[in-house]
Amino acid sequence: MSALRIVSLLPSATEIVAAVGMADQLVGRSHQCDFPVDVRHLPALSETKVNLDGTSRDIDRRVNEIIAQGVSVYRVDAELLRALKPDVIITQTQCAICAVTPGDLEDALCEWTGMAPILVSLEPNDLADVWGDMRKVGRALGAEGPAHAAIVGLQARLMAIRETANRAARYPTVAAIEWIDPLMAGGNWMPELIEAAGGQSLFATAGQHSPWLDWSALAAADPEVILLLPCGFTIAQSLADIPLLAGRPEWAALTAVREGRVFVIDGHHYFNRPGPRLVESAEMIAEILHPDLFAFGHEGTGWVRLP
């Protein structure tokens, strides 16, 4: 069987392709795909129309301005996509703001000449969907066996975290913040990760989209631990947004803030990519919540305690 030509327009899908042993058959990626590091040399087929400089408040305003115009927040290089002649294109329908969708490919696909590529669209809402998407990618690439093996390994690691967390004296309440201004709680698979790592997730329900969060609700719940993991933000970007939180009168009164249990996590590479590294994401929560039980070594690179 000749090698496939794969284009992945979703960071988590790129990581899934690598997990099933087919990274060497990738010929193109999205502008967001940066792991494994070897994929960075591949041509990027997309770009965002949003200026990502500034605070979460600035970015939210710019995104809403584009959406109000009824257009996508992404551009896809249709000419380059056709030139790469992919056999398989992987995209997603879970979030039109987070990554390229099939709708963004319409111009390229409607003018396609020759055999059209297989379009694989992922839409994960919880961990079961993530495993299902890994199977879907495996089937599309003829790598069902490696996909199954990868899933089994990831599930075993997650189960080991869960079993160790069961030894904890108690599970603290946790607020996962997926966006800082306006406030959004982490939904979808994040409540499952928190529970597996030995925490009680507040505000969101597993399998449901991330909800907007009122400051009054955050203050009333008064979580014991706050995880700041804004979608697409590195640790440095999130730290730069702390004044938006500190400027709120409710912030200083929160138990997690007063007792030094606010943690800033790399939301660019972890948590918001529904693929293999969700297990590393669970590891981070586990060592944050229960340092007496876990020490995976992610502190300093994957997360830091807010000074």
C-alpha atoms as a PDB file:
ATOM      1  CA  MET A   1       0.000   0.000   0.000  1.00  0.00           C
ATOM      2  CA  SER A   2       1.389   3.394  -1.009  1.00  0.00           C
ATOM      3  CA  ALA A   3       1.800   6.085   1.619  1.00  0.00           C
ATOM      4  CA  LEU A   4      -1.168   8.330   2.277  1.00  0.00           C
ATOM      5  CA  ARG A   5      -0.999  12.090   1.939  1.00  0.00           C
ATOM      6  CA  ILE A   6      -2.612  13.481   5.079  1.00  0.00           C
ATOM      7  CA  VAL A   7      -3.574  17.059   5.887  1.00  0.00           C
ATOM      8  CA  SER A   8      -4.574  17.796   9.477  1.00  0.00           C
ATOM      9  CA  LEU A   9      -6.267  21.108  10.180  1.00  0.00           C
ATOM     10  CA  LEU A  10      -6.658  20.500  13.899  1.00  0.00           C
ATOM     11  CA  PRO A  11      -3.852  20.320  16.503  1.00  0.00           C
ATOM     12  CA  SER A  12      -5.407  17.412  18.395  1.00  0.00           C
ATOM     13  CA  ALA A  13      -5.877  15.490  15.149  1.00  0.00           C
ATOM     14  CA  THR A  14      -2.224  16.032  14.264  1.00  0.00           C
ATOM     15  CA  GLU A  15      -1.295  14.555  17.640  1.00  0.00           C
ATOM     16  CA  ILE A  16      -3.651  11.622  17.026  1.00  0.00           C
ATOM     17  CA  VAL A  17      -2.052  10.965  13.625  1.00  0.00           C
ATOM     18  CA  ALA A  18       1.322  10.879  15.375  1.00  0.00           C
ATOM     19  CA  ALA A  19      -0.026   8.599  18.107  1.00  0.00           C
ATOM     20  CA  VAL A  20      -1.063   6.006  15.513  1.00  0.00           C
ATOM     21  CA  GLY A  21       2.398   6.150  13.939  1.00  0.00           C
ATOM     22  CA  MET A  22       1.614   8.064  10.752  1.00  0.00           C
ATOM     23  CA  ALA A  23       3.151  11.482  11.357  1.00  0.00           C
ATOM     24  CA  ASP A  24       5.566  10.856   8.486  1.00  0.00           C
ATOM     25  CA  GLN A  25       2.598  10.813   6.089  1.00  0.00           C
ATOM     26  CA  LEU A  26       1.423  14.301   6.998  1.00  0.00           C
ATOM     27  CA  VAL A  27       1.930  16.756   4.133  1.00  0.00           C
ATOM     28  CA  GLY A  28       0.156  19.798   5.564  1.00  0.00           C
ATOM     29  CA  ARG A  29      -1.155  21.236   8.808  1.00  0.00           C
ATOM     30  CA  SER A  30      -3.020  24.156  10.322  1.00  0.00           C
ATOM     31  CA  HIS A  31      -1.218  27.227  11.632  1.00  0.00           C
ATOM     32  CA  GLN A  32      -1.997  25.969  15.157  1.00  0.00           C
ATOM     33  CA  CYS A  33      -0.458  22.500  14.751  1.00  0.00           C
ATOM     34  CA  ASP A  34       2.890  22.538  16.553  1.00  0.00           C
ATOM     35  CA  PHE A  35       3.245  19.100  18.156  1.00  0.00           C
ATOM     36  CA  PRO A  36       5.079  16.824  17.655  1.00  0.00           C
ATOM     37  CA  VAL A  37       7.713  19.447  16.901  1.00  0.00           C
ATOM     38  CA  ASP A  38       8.643  17.728  13.634  1.00  0.00           C
ATOM     39  CA  VAL A  39       5.340  18.856  12.066  1.00  0.00           C
ATOM     40  CA  ARG A  40       6.374  22.492  12.272  1.00  0.00           C
ATOM     41  CA  HIS A  41       8.315  22.210   9.022  1.00  0.00           C
ATOM     42  CA  LEU A  42       5.130  21.287   7.133  1.00  0.00           C
ATOM     43  CA  PRO A  43       3.287  23.978   5.154  1.00  0.00           C
ATOM     44  CA  ALA A  44       0.548  25.705   7.154  1.00  0.00           C
ATOM     45  CA  LEU A  45      -2.719  25.879   5.237  1.00  0.00           C
ATOM     46  CA  SER A  46      -4.680  28.167   7.527  1.00  0.00           C
ATOM     47  CA  GLU A  47      -4.411  31.462   9.337  1.00  0.00           C
ATOM     48  CA  THR A  48      -6.632  33.361  11.718  1.00  0.00           C
ATOM     49  CA  LYS A  49      -8.278  36.668  10.877  1.00  0.00           C
ATOM     50  CA  VAL A  50      -8.139  37.628  14.547  1.00  0.00           C
ATOM     51  CA  ASN A  51      -5.334  39.732  15.989  1.00  0.00           C
ATOM     52  CA  LEU A  52      -4.283  37.598  18.960  1.00  0.00           C
ATOM     53  CA  ASP A  53      -2.249  40.317  20.652  1.00  0.00           C
ATOM     54  CA  GLY A  54      -3.634  41.756  23.855  1.00  0.00           C
ATOM     55  CA  THR A  55      -5.831  40.441  26.636  1.00  0.00           C
ATOM     56  CA  SER A  56      -8.594  37.850  26.591  1.00  0.00           C
ATOM     57  CA  ARG A  57     -11.050  40.766  26.654  1.00  0.00           C
ATOM     58  CA  ASP A  58      -9.460  42.240  23.504  1.00  0.00           C
ATOM     59  CA  ILE A  59      -9.492  38.897  21.692  1.00  0.00           C
ATOM     60  CA  ASP A  60     -13.104  38.173  22.652  1.00  0.00           C
ATOM     61  CA  ARG A  61     -14.180  41.552  21.264  1.00  0.00           C
ATOM     62  CA  ARG A  62     -12.358  40.999  17.966  1.00  0.00           C
ATOM     63  CA  VAL A  63     -13.778  37.489  17.534  1.00  0.00           C
ATOM     64  CA  ASN A  64     -17.313  38.744  18.135  1.00  0.00           C
ATOM     65  CA  GLU A  65     -16.829  41.535  15.601  1.00  0.00           C
ATOM     66  CA  ILE A  66     -15.888  38.982  12.927  1.00  0.00           C
ATOM     67  CA  ILE A  67     -18.718  36.609  13.846  1.00  0.00           C
ATOM     68  CA  ALA A  68     -21.189  39.510  13.661  1.00  0.00           C
ATOM     69  CA  GLN A  69     -20.206  39.895  10.005  1.00  0.00           C
ATOM     70  CA  GLY A  70     -21.312  36.310   9.356  1.00  0.00           C
ATOM     71  CA  VAL A  71     -17.883  35.116   8.239  1.00  0.00           C
ATOM     72  CA  SER A  72     -15.367  32.572   9.488  1.00  0.00           C
ATOM     73  CA  VAL A  73     -12.517  33.554  11.772  1.00  0.00           C
ATOM     74  CA  TYR A  74     -10.117  31.493   9.609  1.00  0.00           C
ATOM     75  CA  ARG A  75      -8.695  31.607   6.100  1.00  0.00           C
ATOM     76  CA  VAL A  76      -7.680  28.417   4.298  1.00  0.00           C
ATOM     77  CA  ASP A  77      -5.181  28.522   1.433  1.00  0.00           C
ATOM     78  CA  ALA A  78      -7.288  26.674  -1.147  1.00  0.00           C
ATOM     79  CA  GLU A  79      -4.598  26.788  -3.826  1.00  0.00           C
ATOM     80  CA  LEU A  80      -1.961  25.264  -1.554  1.00  0.00           C
ATOM     81  CA  LEU A  81      -4.404  22.635  -0.328  1.00  0.00           C
ATOM     82  CA  ARG A  82      -5.111  21.522  -3.888  1.00  0.00           C
ATOM     83  CA  ALA A  83      -1.390  21.548  -4.721  1.00  0.00           C
ATOM     84  CA  LEU A  84      -0.665  19.175  -1.828  1.00  0.00           C
ATOM     85  CA  LYS A  85      -3.141  16.638  -3.275  1.00  0.00           C
ATOM     86  CA  PRO A  86      -4.129  15.088   0.056  1.00  0.00           C
ATOM     87  CA  ASP A  87      -5.848  11.716   0.243  1.00  0.00           C
ATOM     88  CA  VAL A  88      -7.287  12.541   3.670  1.00  0.00           C
ATOM     89  CA  ILE A  89      -8.165  15.872   5.291  1.00  0.00           C
ATOM     90  CA  ILE A  90      -8.933  15.932   9.018  1.00  0.00           C
ATOM     91  CA  THR A  91     -10.942  18.792  10.483  1.00  0.00           C
ATOM     92  CA  GLN A  92     -13.581  19.367  13.176  1.00  0.00           C
ATOM     93  CA  THR A  93     -17.105  20.617  13.836  1.00  0.00           C
ATOM     94  CA  GLN A  94     -16.842  20.990  17.623  1.00  0.00           C
ATOM     95  CA  CYS A  95     -16.027  24.709  17.725  1.00  0.00           C
ATOM     96  CA  ALA A  96     -15.987  27.193  14.838  1.00  0.00           C
ATOM     97  CA  ILE A  97     -13.924  29.636  16.908  1.00  0.00           C
ATOM     98  CA  CYS A  98     -11.274  27.145  18.030  1.00  0.00           C
ATOM     99  CA  ALA A  99     -10.185  25.623  14.708  1.00  0.00           C
ATOM    100  CA  VAL A 100     -10.903  25.225  10.998  1.00  0.00           C
ATOM    101  CA  THR A 101     -14.254  23.616  10.151  1.00  0.00           C
ATOM    102  CA  PRO A 102     -15.474  21.815   6.993  1.00  0.00           C
ATOM    103  CA  GLY A 103     -17.255  25.030   6.030  1.00  0.00           C
ATOM    104  CA  ASP A 104     -13.899  26.781   5.792  1.00  0.00           C
ATOM    105  CA  LEU A 105     -12.867  24.248   3.131  1.00  0.00           C
ATOM    106  CA  GLU A 106     -15.825  24.822   0.805  1.00  0.00           C
ATOM    107  CA  ASP A 107     -13.959  26.995  -1.705  1.00  0.00           C
ATOM    108  CA  ALA A 108     -11.120  24.498  -2.021  1.00  0.00           C
ATOM    109  CA  LEU A 109     -13.343  21.435  -2.248  1.00  0.00           C
ATOM    110  CA  CYS A 110     -15.900  22.832  -4.700  1.00  0.00           C
ATOM    111  CA  GLU A 111     -13.164  23.492  -7.269  1.00  0.00           C
ATOM    112  CA  TRP A 112     -11.419  20.158  -6.745  1.00  0.00           C
ATOM    113  CA  THR A 113     -10.330  18.296  -9.845  1.00  0.00           C
ATOM    114  CA  GLY A 114      -9.693  14.570  -9.871  1.00  0.00           C
ATOM    115  CA  MET A 115     -10.515  12.261  -6.990  1.00  0.00           C
ATOM    116  CA  ALA A 116     -11.719  14.244  -3.987  1.00  0.00           C
ATOM    117  CA  PRO A 117      -9.970  13.583  -0.678  1.00  0.00           C
ATOM    118  CA  ILE A 118     -11.649  11.790   2.198  1.00  0.00           C
ATOM    119  CA  LEU A 119     -12.872  14.363   4.719  1.00  0.00           C
ATOM    120  CA  VAL A 120     -12.719  13.202   8.351  1.00  0.00           C
ATOM    121  CA  SER A 121     -14.538  15.518  10.741  1.00  0.00           C
ATOM    122  CA  LEU A 122     -14.112  15.200  14.507  1.00  0.00           C
ATOM    123  CA  GLU A 123     -16.604  16.439  17.116  1.00  0.00           C
ATOM    124  CA  PRO A 124     -15.591  15.409  20.633  1.00  0.00           C
ATOM    125  CA  ASN A 125     -17.682  16.457  23.615  1.00  0.00           C
ATOM    126  CA  ASP A 126     -16.344  14.102  26.289  1.00  0.00           C
ATOM    127  CA  LEU A 127     -13.608  11.535  26.811  1.00  0.00           C
ATOM    128  CA  ALA A 128     -15.623   8.757  25.178  1.00  0.00           C
ATOM    129  CA  ASP A 129     -15.853  10.926  22.061  1.00  0.00           C
ATOM    130  CA  VAL A 130     -12.102  11.537  22.134  1.00  0.00           C
ATOM    131  CA  TRP A 131     -11.447   7.786  22.112  1.00  0.00           C
ATOM    132  CA  GLY A 132     -14.071   7.440  19.373  1.00  0.00           C
ATOM    133  CA  ASP A 133     -12.353  10.104  17.286  1.00  0.00           C
ATOM    134  CA  MET A 134      -9.050   8.287  17.665  1.00  0.00           C
ATOM    135  CA  ARG A 135     -10.740   5.158  16.328  1.00  0.00           C
ATOM    136  CA  LYS A 136     -12.266   7.175  13.481  1.00  0.00           C
ATOM    137  CA  VAL A 137      -8.869   8.553  12.478  1.00  0.00           C
ATOM    138  CA  GLY A 138      -7.376   5.075  12.742  1.00  0.00           C
ATOM    139  CA  ARG A 139     -10.022   3.663  10.382  1.00  0.00           C
ATOM    140  CA  ALA A 140      -9.582   6.475   7.871  1.00  0.00           C
ATOM    141  CA  LEU A 141      -5.816   5.955   7.794  1.00  0.00           C
ATOM    142  CA  GLY A 142      -5.881   2.156   7.809  1.00  0.00           C
ATOM    143  CA  ALA A 143      -4.337   2.132  11.275  1.00  0.00           C
ATOM    144  CA  GLU A 144      -7.061   0.559  13.407  1.00  0.00           C
ATOM    145  CA  GLY A 145      -4.570  -1.602  15.319  1.00  0.00           C
ATOM    146  CA  PRO A 146      -2.222   1.218  16.330  1.00  0.00           C
ATOM    147  CA  ALA A 147      -5.204   3.405  17.224  1.00  0.00           C
ATOM    148  CA  HIS A 148      -6.611   0.707  19.498  1.00  0.00           C
ATOM    149  CA  ALA A 149      -3.224   0.211  21.156  1.00  0.00           C
ATOM    150  CA  ALA A 150      -2.839   3.951  21.720  1.00  0.00           C
ATOM    151  CA  ILE A 151      -6.305   4.214  23.272  1.00  0.00           C
ATOM    152  CA  VAL A 152      -5.707   1.255  25.584  1.00  0.00           C
ATOM    153  CA  GLY A 153      -2.447   2.792  26.777  1.00  0.00           C
ATOM    154  CA  LEU A 154      -3.998   6.201  27.421  1.00  0.00           C
ATOM    155  CA  GLN A 155      -6.979   4.722  29.242  1.00  0.00           C
ATOM    156  CA  ALA A 156      -4.659   2.645  31.433  1.00  0.00           C
ATOM    157  CA  ARG A 157      -2.703   5.745  32.424  1.00  0.00           C
ATOM    158  CA  LEU A 158      -5.911   7.603  33.231  1.00  0.00           C
ATOM    159  CA  MET A 159      -7.201   4.678  35.276  1.00  0.00           C
ATOM    160  CA  ALA A 160      -3.943   4.596  37.245  1.00  0.00           C
ATOM    161  CA  ILE A 161      -4.426   8.276  38.104  1.00  0.00           C
ATOM    162  CA  ARG A 162      -8.007   7.620  39.170  1.00  0.00           C
ATOM    163  CA  GLU A 163      -7.039   4.674  41.379  1.00  0.00           C
ATOM    164  CA  THR A 164      -4.292   6.620  43.118  1.00  0.00           C
ATOM    165  CA  ALA A 165      -6.582   9.642  43.592  1.00  0.00           C
ATOM    166  CA  ASN A 166      -9.053   7.366  45.364  1.00  0.00           C
ATOM    167  CA  ARG A 167      -6.556   7.245  48.232  1.00  0.00           C
ATOM    168  CA  ALA A 168      -6.955  10.973  48.867  1.00  0.00           C
ATOM    169  CA  ALA A 169      -8.653  11.948  52.122  1.00  0.00           C
ATOM    170  CA  ARG A 170     -11.021  14.249  50.236  1.00  0.00           C
ATOM    171  CA  TYR A 171     -11.632  15.786  46.823  1.00  0.00           C
ATOM    172  CA  PRO A 172     -11.347  19.608  46.834  1.00  0.00           C
ATOM    173  CA  THR A 173     -13.764  21.768  44.836  1.00  0.00           C
ATOM    174  CA  VAL A 174     -12.213  23.012  41.600  1.00  0.00           C
ATOM    175  CA  ALA A 175     -13.070  25.852  39.224  1.00  0.00           C
ATOM    176  CA  ALA A 176     -11.474  25.390  35.797  1.00  0.00           C
ATOM    177  CA  ILE A 177     -11.476  28.729  33.966  1.00  0.00           C
ATOM    178  CA  GLU A 178     -11.329  28.325  30.189  1.00  0.00           C
ATOM    179  CA  TRP A 179     -11.543  32.046  29.416  1.00  0.00           C
ATOM    180  CA  ILE A 180     -10.731  34.968  31.680  1.00  0.00           C
ATOM    181  CA  ASP A 181     -12.704  37.933  30.351  1.00  0.00           C
ATOM    182  CA  PRO A 182     -15.535  37.230  30.032  1.00  0.00           C
ATOM    183  CA  LEU A 183     -15.362  34.314  32.465  1.00  0.00           C
ATOM    184  CA  MET A 184     -15.994  30.860  31.049  1.00  0.00           C
ATOM    185  CA  ALA A 185     -15.819  27.552  32.913  1.00  0.00           C
ATOM    186  CA  GLY A 186     -14.156  24.506  31.357  1.00  0.00           C
ATOM    187  CA  GLY A 187     -16.747  22.037  30.085  1.00  0.00           C
ATOM    188  CA  ASN A 188     -16.780  19.058  27.713  1.00  0.00           C
ATOM    189  CA  TRP A 189     -14.104  16.586  28.905  1.00  0.00           C
ATOM    190  CA  MET A 190     -12.623  18.851  31.601  1.00  0.00           C
ATOM    191  CA  PRO A 191     -15.002  17.796  34.417  1.00  0.00           C
ATOM    192  CA  GLU A 192     -13.998  14.184  33.722  1.00  0.00           C
ATOM    193  CA  LEU A 193     -10.307  15.037  33.957  1.00  0.00           C
ATOM    194  CA  ILE A 194     -10.839  16.880  37.239  1.00  0.00           C
ATOM    195  CA  GLU A 195     -12.819  13.998  38.720  1.00  0.00           C
ATOM    196  CA  ALA A 196     -10.255  11.421  37.586  1.00  0.00           C
ATOM    197  CA  ALA A 197      -7.505  13.495  39.209  1.00  0.00           C
ATOM    198  CA  GLY A 198      -9.279  13.691  42.547  1.00  0.00           C
ATOM    199  CA  GLY A 199     -11.293  16.908  42.390  1.00  0.00           C
ATOM    200  CA  GLN A 200     -14.899  18.048  42.419  1.00  0.00           C
ATOM    201  CA  SER A 201     -15.617  20.009  39.238  1.00  0.00           C
ATOM    202  CA  LEU A 202     -17.774  23.115  39.605  1.00  0.00           C
ATOM    203  CA  PHE A 203     -19.968  24.954  37.079  1.00  0.00           C
ATOM    204  CA  ALA A 204     -19.702  22.612  34.074  1.00  0.00           C
ATOM    205  CA  THR A 205     -21.162  19.234  33.136  1.00  0.00           C
ATOM    206  CA  ALA A 206     -19.181  16.528  31.351  1.00  0.00           C
ATOM    207  CA  GLY A 207     -20.164  16.252  27.705  1.00  0.00           C
ATOM    208  CA  GLN A 208     -21.685  19.730  27.553  1.00  0.00           C
ATOM    209  CA  HIS A 209     -20.137  22.867  26.109  1.00  0.00           C
ATOM    210  CA  SER A 210     -18.209  25.235  28.326  1.00  0.00           C
ATOM    211  CA  PRO A 211     -20.627  27.662  30.030  1.00  0.00           C
ATOM    212  CA  TRP A 212     -20.212  31.375  30.611  1.00  0.00           C
ATOM    213  CA  LEU A 213     -19.708  32.111  34.284  1.00  0.00           C
ATOM    214  CA  ASP A 214     -20.978  35.023  36.363  1.00  0.00           C
ATOM    215  CA  TRP A 215     -18.674  36.484  38.951  1.00  0.00           C
ATOM    216  CA  SER A 216     -21.480  36.195  41.481  1.00  0.00           C
ATOM    217  CA  ALA A 217     -21.630  32.433  40.869  1.00  0.00           C
ATOM    218  CA  LEU A 218     -17.862  32.098  41.259  1.00  0.00           C
ATOM    219  CA  ALA A 219     -17.958  34.053  44.511  1.00  0.00           C
ATOM    220  CA  ALA A 220     -20.898  32.037  45.848  1.00  0.00           C
ATOM    221  CA  ALA A 221     -19.241  28.688  45.080  1.00  0.00           C
ATOM    222  CA  ASP A 222     -15.911  29.907  46.508  1.00  0.00           C
ATOM    223  CA  PRO A 223     -13.814  27.049  45.062  1.00  0.00           C
ATOM    224  CA  GLU A 224     -10.920  25.640  47.038  1.00  0.00           C
ATOM    225  CA  VAL A 225      -8.753  25.479  43.902  1.00  0.00           C
ATOM    226  CA  ILE A 226      -8.808  27.608  40.746  1.00  0.00           C
ATOM    227  CA  LEU A 227      -7.201  26.384  37.518  1.00  0.00           C
ATOM    228  CA  LEU A 228      -6.599  29.082  34.896  1.00  0.00           C
ATOM    229  CA  LEU A 229      -6.281  27.356  31.513  1.00  0.00           C
ATOM    230  CA  PRO A 230      -7.612  29.735  28.830  1.00  0.00           C
ATOM    231  CA  CYS A 231      -8.079  28.145  25.430  1.00  0.00           C
ATOM    232  CA  GLY A 232      -5.074  28.862  23.225  1.00  0.00           C
ATOM    233  CA  PHE A 233      -3.149  30.719  25.940  1.00  0.00           C
ATOM    234  CA  THR A 234       0.348  29.866  27.079  1.00  0.00           C
ATOM    235  CA  ILE A 235       1.272  30.302  30.736  1.00  0.00           C
ATOM    236  CA  ALA A 236       2.865  33.666  29.938  1.00  0.00           C
ATOM    237  CA  GLN A 237      -0.264  34.919  28.177  1.00  0.00           C
ATOM    238  CA  SER A 238      -2.467  33.881  31.087  1.00  0.00           C
ATOM    239  CA  LEU A 239      -0.156  35.549  33.602  1.00  0.00           C
ATOM    240  CA  ALA A 240      -0.433  38.762  31.592  1.00  0.00           C
ATOM    241  CA  ASP A 241      -4.216  38.596  32.047  1.00  0.00           C
ATOM    242  CA  ILE A 242      -4.103  38.346  35.852  1.00  0.00           C
ATOM    243  CA  PRO A 243      -4.771  42.108  36.284  1.00  0.00           C
ATOM    244  CA  LEU A 244      -8.206  41.535  34.719  1.00  0.00           C
ATOM    245  CA  LEU A 245      -8.963  39.135  37.564  1.00  0.00           C
ATOM    246  CA  ALA A 246      -7.217  41.074  40.314  1.00  0.00           C
ATOM    247  CA  GLY A 247      -9.166  44.178  39.341  1.00  0.00           C
ATOM    248  CA  ARG A 248     -12.441  42.526  40.314  1.00  0.00           C
ATOM    249  CA  PRO A 249     -13.608  43.106  43.905  1.00  0.00           C
ATOM    250  CA  GLU A 250     -14.666  39.447  44.190  1.00  0.00           C
ATOM    251  CA  TRP A 251     -11.203  38.090  43.363  1.00  0.00           C
ATOM    252  CA  ALA A 252      -9.290  38.880  46.542  1.00  0.00           C
ATOM    253  CA  ALA A 253     -12.089  37.458  48.699  1.00  0.00           C
ATOM    254  CA  LEU A 254     -11.994  33.992  47.109  1.00  0.00           C
ATOM    255  CA  THR A 255     -10.625  31.232  49.332  1.00  0.00           C
ATOM    256  CA  ALA A 256      -8.374  29.864  46.567  1.00  0.00           C
ATOM    257  CA  VAL A 257      -6.828  33.309  46.099  1.00  0.00           C
ATOM    258  CA  ARG A 258      -6.374  34.017  49.813  1.00  0.00           C
ATOM    259  CA  GLU A 259      -4.811  30.598  50.464  1.00  0.00           C
ATOM    260  CA  GLY A 260      -2.537  30.518  47.401  1.00  0.00           C
ATOM    261  CA  ARG A 261      -4.327  27.788  45.473  1.00  0.00           C
ATOM    262  CA  VAL A 262      -4.616  29.457  42.070  1.00  0.00           C
ATOM    263  CA  PHE A 263      -2.690  27.672  39.329  1.00  0.00           C
ATOM    264  CA  VAL A 264      -1.900  28.838  35.798  1.00  0.00           C
ATOM    265  CA  ILE A 265      -1.752  26.042  33.244  1.00  0.00           C
ATOM    266  CA  ASP A 266      -0.639  25.878  29.612  1.00  0.00           C
ATOM    267  CA  GLY A 267      -4.040  26.005  27.924  1.00  0.00           C
ATOM    268  CA  HIS A 268      -2.481  26.124  24.480  1.00  0.00           C
ATOM    269  CA  HIS A 269      -0.936  22.660  24.435  1.00  0.00           C
ATOM    270  CA  TYR A 270      -3.076  20.919  27.063  1.00  0.00           C
ATOM    271  CA  PHE A 271      -6.714  20.642  28.155  1.00  0.00           C
ATOM    272  CA  ASN A 272      -8.104  22.330  25.032  1.00  0.00           C
ATOM    273  CA  ARG A 273      -6.688  19.756  22.598  1.00  0.00           C
ATOM    274  CA  PRO A 274      -8.954  16.682  22.724  1.00  0.00           C
ATOM    275  CA  GLY A 275      -6.327  14.108  21.909  1.00  0.00           C
ATOM    276  CA  PRO A 276      -3.596  12.000  23.523  1.00  0.00           C
ATOM    277  CA  ARG A 277      -2.252  14.783  25.745  1.00  0.00           C
ATOM    278  CA  LEU A 278      -5.473  15.003  27.722  1.00  0.00           C
ATOM    279  CA  VAL A 279      -3.858  12.345  29.894  1.00  0.00           C
ATOM    280  CA  GLU A 280      -0.947  14.692  30.631  1.00  0.00           C
ATOM    281  CA  SER A 281      -3.594  17.291  31.423  1.00  0.00           C
ATOM    282  CA  ALA A 282      -5.091  14.951  34.027  1.00  0.00           C
ATOM    283  CA  GLU A 283      -1.598  14.361  35.423  1.00  0.00           C
ATOM    284  CA  MET A 284      -1.196  18.102  35.953  1.00  0.00           C
ATOM    285  CA  ILE A 285      -4.468  18.385  37.853  1.00  0.00           C
ATOM    286  CA  ALA A 286      -3.553  15.361  39.959  1.00  0.00           C
ATOM    287  CA  GLU A 287      -0.190  16.736  41.077  1.00  0.00           C
ATOM    288  CA  ILE A 288      -1.751  20.147  41.737  1.00  0.00           C
ATOM    289  CA  LEU A 289      -4.595  18.768  43.862  1.00  0.00           C
ATOM    290  CA  HIS A 290      -2.705  15.955  45.588  1.00  0.00           C
ATOM    291  CA  PRO A 291       1.052  16.646  45.657  1.00  0.00           C
ATOM    292  CA  ASP A 292       1.390  14.035  48.383  1.00  0.00           C
ATOM    293  CA  LEU A 293       0.200  11.351  45.945  1.00  0.00           C
ATOM    294  CA  PHE A 294       1.462  12.520  42.543  1.00  0.00           C
ATOM    295  CA  ALA A 295       4.687  13.938  41.105  1.00  0.00           C
ATOM    296  CA  PHE A 296       4.678  13.753  37.298  1.00  0.00           C
ATOM    297  CA  GLY A 297       7.130  16.617  36.867  1.00  0.00           C
ATOM    298  CA  HIS A 298       4.931  19.034  34.910  1.00  0.00           C
ATOM    299  CA  GLU A 299       5.393  21.948  37.316  1.00  0.00           C
ATOM    300  CA  GLY A 300       7.275  24.819  35.717  1.00  0.00           C
ATOM    301  CA  THR A 301       6.591  23.723  32.144  1.00  0.00           C
ATOM    302  CA  GLY A 302       2.926  22.715  32.115  1.00  0.00           C
ATOM    303  CA  TRP A 303       1.747  24.711  35.122  1.00  0.00           C
ATOM    304  CA  VAL A 304       2.820  27.209  37.763  1.00  0.00           C
ATOM    305  CA  ARG A 305       1.340  28.379  41.039  1.00  0.00           C
ATOM    306  CA  LEU A 306       0.164  31.981  40.871  1.00  0.00           C
ATOM    307  CA  PRO A 307       2.586  34.000  43.039  1.00  0.00           C
END
